[in-house]
């Protein structure tokens, strides 16, 4: 796969995570997706182990969205 995600499962989990974050933070899915995918790509570049990328990207996305609120 040449896209952002290494396989379909990772993409499905990320999509679900993005939707969940959007609901939790009361933000549009498109905004959350842009931030999440940027964080995911940045983290993926230097990662040797990819098992926790979704977790780390979601935490960073939540942090960014929380900072924008204030």
N, C-alpha and C. Protein backbone atom coordinates (compact mmCIF):
# COMPACT_ATOMS: atom_id res chain seq x y z
N UNK A 1 0.83 -1.18 0.00
CA UNK A 1 0.00 0.00 0.00
C UNK A 1 0.88 1.25 0.00
N UNK A 2 0.63 2.15 -0.92
CA UNK A 2 1.43 3.37 -1.03
C UNK A 2 0.85 4.52 -0.24
N UNK A 3 -0.33 4.38 0.34
CA UNK A 3 -0.99 5.45 1.04
C UNK A 3 -0.42 5.69 2.42
N UNK A 4 -1.14 6.44 3.18
CA UNK A 4 -0.72 6.81 4.53
C UNK A 4 -0.66 5.60 5.46
N UNK A 5 -1.60 4.70 5.29
CA UNK A 5 -1.72 3.57 6.21
C UNK A 5 -1.09 2.31 5.61
N UNK A 6 -0.58 1.45 6.47
CA UNK A 6 0.13 0.27 6.00
C UNK A 6 -0.81 -0.83 5.51
N UNK A 7 -2.05 -0.83 5.99
CA UNK A 7 -3.01 -1.83 5.53
C UNK A 7 -4.43 -1.35 5.81
N UNK A 8 -5.40 -2.13 5.33
CA UNK A 8 -6.81 -1.76 5.49
C UNK A 8 -7.24 -1.68 6.95
N UNK A 9 -6.71 -2.59 7.77
CA UNK A 9 -7.08 -2.58 9.19
C UNK A 9 -6.63 -1.28 9.87
N UNK A 10 -5.42 -0.85 9.58
CA UNK A 10 -4.92 0.38 10.17
C UNK A 10 -5.76 1.58 9.71
N UNK A 11 -6.18 1.55 8.47
CA UNK A 11 -7.02 2.63 7.95
C UNK A 11 -8.40 2.63 8.62
N UNK A 12 -8.98 1.46 8.81
CA UNK A 12 -10.29 1.36 9.46
C UNK A 12 -10.22 1.82 10.91
N UNK A 13 -9.18 1.42 11.61
CA UNK A 13 -9.02 1.82 13.00
C UNK A 13 -8.83 3.33 13.08
N UNK A 14 -8.03 3.88 12.17
CA UNK A 14 -7.80 5.32 12.16
C UNK A 14 -9.09 6.08 11.86
N UNK A 15 -9.87 5.61 10.91
CA UNK A 15 -11.15 6.25 10.58
C UNK A 15 -12.07 6.26 11.79
N UNK A 16 -12.14 5.14 12.47
CA UNK A 16 -12.97 5.05 13.67
C UNK A 16 -12.46 5.99 14.76
N UNK A 17 -11.16 6.07 14.91
CA UNK A 17 -10.55 6.95 15.90
C UNK A 17 -10.84 8.41 15.58
N UNK A 18 -10.73 8.78 14.32
CA UNK A 18 -11.01 10.15 13.88
C UNK A 18 -12.45 10.52 14.18
N UNK A 19 -13.37 9.64 13.86
CA UNK A 19 -14.79 9.90 14.11
C UNK A 19 -15.08 10.03 15.60
N UNK A 20 -14.46 9.19 16.39
CA UNK A 20 -14.64 9.23 17.83
C UNK A 20 -14.09 10.53 18.42
N UNK A 21 -12.90 10.93 17.98
CA UNK A 21 -12.32 12.19 18.44
C UNK A 21 -13.19 13.38 18.06
N UNK A 22 -13.73 13.35 16.85
CA UNK A 22 -14.60 14.45 16.39
C UNK A 22 -15.82 14.59 17.31
N UNK A 23 -16.42 13.46 17.66
CA UNK A 23 -17.57 13.50 18.58
C UNK A 23 -17.14 14.00 19.96
N UNK A 24 -16.07 13.44 20.46
CA UNK A 24 -15.58 13.78 21.80
C UNK A 24 -15.24 15.27 21.92
N UNK A 25 -14.61 15.81 20.89
CA UNK A 25 -14.13 17.19 20.94
C UNK A 25 -15.12 18.17 20.32
N UNK A 26 -16.26 17.68 19.83
CA UNK A 26 -17.28 18.51 19.18
C UNK A 26 -16.67 19.34 18.06
N UNK A 27 -15.94 18.65 17.19
CA UNK A 27 -15.27 19.29 16.05
C UNK A 27 -15.67 18.56 14.78
N UNK A 28 -15.59 19.23 13.64
CA UNK A 28 -15.90 18.57 12.36
C UNK A 28 -14.90 17.45 12.06
N UNK A 29 -15.40 16.38 11.49
CA UNK A 29 -14.55 15.24 11.15
C UNK A 29 -13.41 15.68 10.24
N UNK A 30 -13.68 16.57 9.30
CA UNK A 30 -12.65 17.02 8.36
C UNK A 30 -11.49 17.69 9.08
N UNK A 31 -11.79 18.50 10.10
CA UNK A 31 -10.73 19.16 10.87
C UNK A 31 -9.90 18.14 11.63
N UNK A 32 -10.58 17.21 12.29
CA UNK A 32 -9.88 16.18 13.07
C UNK A 32 -9.05 15.30 12.14
N UNK A 33 -9.61 14.95 11.00
CA UNK A 33 -8.89 14.10 10.04
C UNK A 33 -7.61 14.77 9.56
N UNK A 34 -7.67 16.04 9.24
CA UNK A 34 -6.48 16.77 8.78
C UNK A 34 -5.38 16.74 9.84
N UNK A 35 -5.75 17.03 11.06
CA UNK A 35 -4.76 17.05 12.15
C UNK A 35 -4.23 15.65 12.40
N UNK A 36 -5.13 14.68 12.52
CA UNK A 36 -4.74 13.30 12.81
C UNK A 36 -3.79 12.75 11.74
N UNK A 37 -4.16 12.94 10.48
CA UNK A 37 -3.33 12.38 9.41
C UNK A 37 -1.97 13.07 9.34
N UNK A 38 -1.92 14.35 9.66
CA UNK A 38 -0.64 15.05 9.73
C UNK A 38 0.24 14.49 10.83
N UNK A 39 -0.36 14.29 12.00
CA UNK A 39 0.39 13.72 13.13
C UNK A 39 0.81 12.29 12.84
N UNK A 40 -0.10 11.52 12.25
CA UNK A 40 0.19 10.12 11.93
C UNK A 40 1.38 10.04 10.97
N UNK A 41 1.37 10.85 9.93
CA UNK A 41 2.45 10.84 8.94
C UNK A 41 3.77 11.25 9.57
N UNK A 42 3.72 12.28 10.42
CA UNK A 42 4.94 12.75 11.08
C UNK A 42 5.52 11.67 11.99
N UNK A 43 4.67 11.02 12.75
CA UNK A 43 5.13 9.96 13.66
C UNK A 43 5.62 8.73 12.90
N UNK A 44 4.96 8.42 11.81
CA UNK A 44 5.31 7.23 11.03
C UNK A 44 6.71 7.33 10.44
N UNK A 45 7.10 8.55 10.05
CA UNK A 45 8.41 8.76 9.43
C UNK A 45 9.56 8.22 10.27
N UNK A 46 9.54 8.48 11.55
CA UNK A 46 10.65 8.07 12.39
C UNK A 46 10.43 6.79 13.16
N UNK A 47 9.29 6.17 12.97
CA UNK A 47 8.95 4.99 13.78
C UNK A 47 9.59 3.72 13.24
N UNK A 48 10.17 2.97 14.13
CA UNK A 48 10.66 1.63 13.76
C UNK A 48 9.58 0.60 14.05
N UNK A 49 8.78 0.86 15.05
CA UNK A 49 7.67 -0.02 15.42
C UNK A 49 6.39 0.77 15.20
N UNK A 50 5.47 0.21 14.45
CA UNK A 50 4.27 0.95 14.05
C UNK A 50 3.02 0.54 14.82
N UNK A 51 3.17 -0.31 15.81
CA UNK A 51 2.02 -0.84 16.54
C UNK A 51 1.21 0.22 17.28
N UNK A 52 1.84 1.29 17.71
CA UNK A 52 1.17 2.27 18.55
C UNK A 52 0.96 3.62 17.86
N UNK A 53 1.14 3.67 16.56
CA UNK A 53 0.99 4.94 15.85
C UNK A 53 -0.40 5.54 16.01
N UNK A 54 -1.43 4.71 15.94
CA UNK A 54 -2.80 5.21 16.09
C UNK A 54 -2.99 5.84 17.46
N UNK A 55 -2.49 5.20 18.48
CA UNK A 55 -2.61 5.71 19.85
C UNK A 55 -1.89 7.05 19.99
N UNK A 56 -0.64 7.11 19.53
CA UNK A 56 0.13 8.34 19.66
C UNK A 56 -0.45 9.47 18.81
N UNK A 57 -0.89 9.15 17.61
CA UNK A 57 -1.48 10.17 16.73
C UNK A 57 -2.78 10.71 17.33
N UNK A 58 -3.57 9.84 17.93
CA UNK A 58 -4.83 10.30 18.53
C UNK A 58 -4.56 11.18 19.74
N UNK A 59 -3.55 10.85 20.53
CA UNK A 59 -3.21 11.69 21.69
C UNK A 59 -2.73 13.07 21.23
N UNK A 60 -1.87 13.09 20.22
CA UNK A 60 -1.37 14.37 19.70
C UNK A 60 -2.51 15.19 19.10
N UNK A 61 -3.43 14.54 18.42
CA UNK A 61 -4.57 15.23 17.82
C UNK A 61 -5.43 15.85 18.91
N UNK A 62 -5.69 15.10 19.95
CA UNK A 62 -6.49 15.60 21.08
C UNK A 62 -5.79 16.82 21.71
N UNK A 63 -4.47 16.74 21.87
CA UNK A 63 -3.71 17.86 22.43
C UNK A 63 -3.83 19.11 21.56
N UNK A 64 -3.68 18.94 20.24
CA UNK A 64 -3.77 20.07 19.33
C UNK A 64 -5.16 20.70 19.39
N UNK A 65 -6.18 19.87 19.37
CA UNK A 65 -7.54 20.39 19.42
C UNK A 65 -7.84 21.08 20.74
N UNK A 66 -7.31 20.55 21.83
CA UNK A 66 -7.51 21.18 23.14
C UNK A 66 -6.83 22.55 23.20
N UNK A 67 -5.65 22.66 22.61
CA UNK A 67 -4.94 23.94 22.60
C UNK A 67 -5.67 24.98 21.74
N UNK A 68 -6.28 24.54 20.67
CA UNK A 68 -7.02 25.45 19.80
C UNK A 68 -8.25 26.01 20.49
N UNK A 69 -8.78 25.27 21.43
CA UNK A 69 -9.97 25.68 22.15
C UNK A 69 -9.70 26.86 23.07
N UNK A 70 -8.47 26.93 23.56
CA UNK A 70 -8.14 27.96 24.56
C UNK A 70 -7.61 29.20 23.94
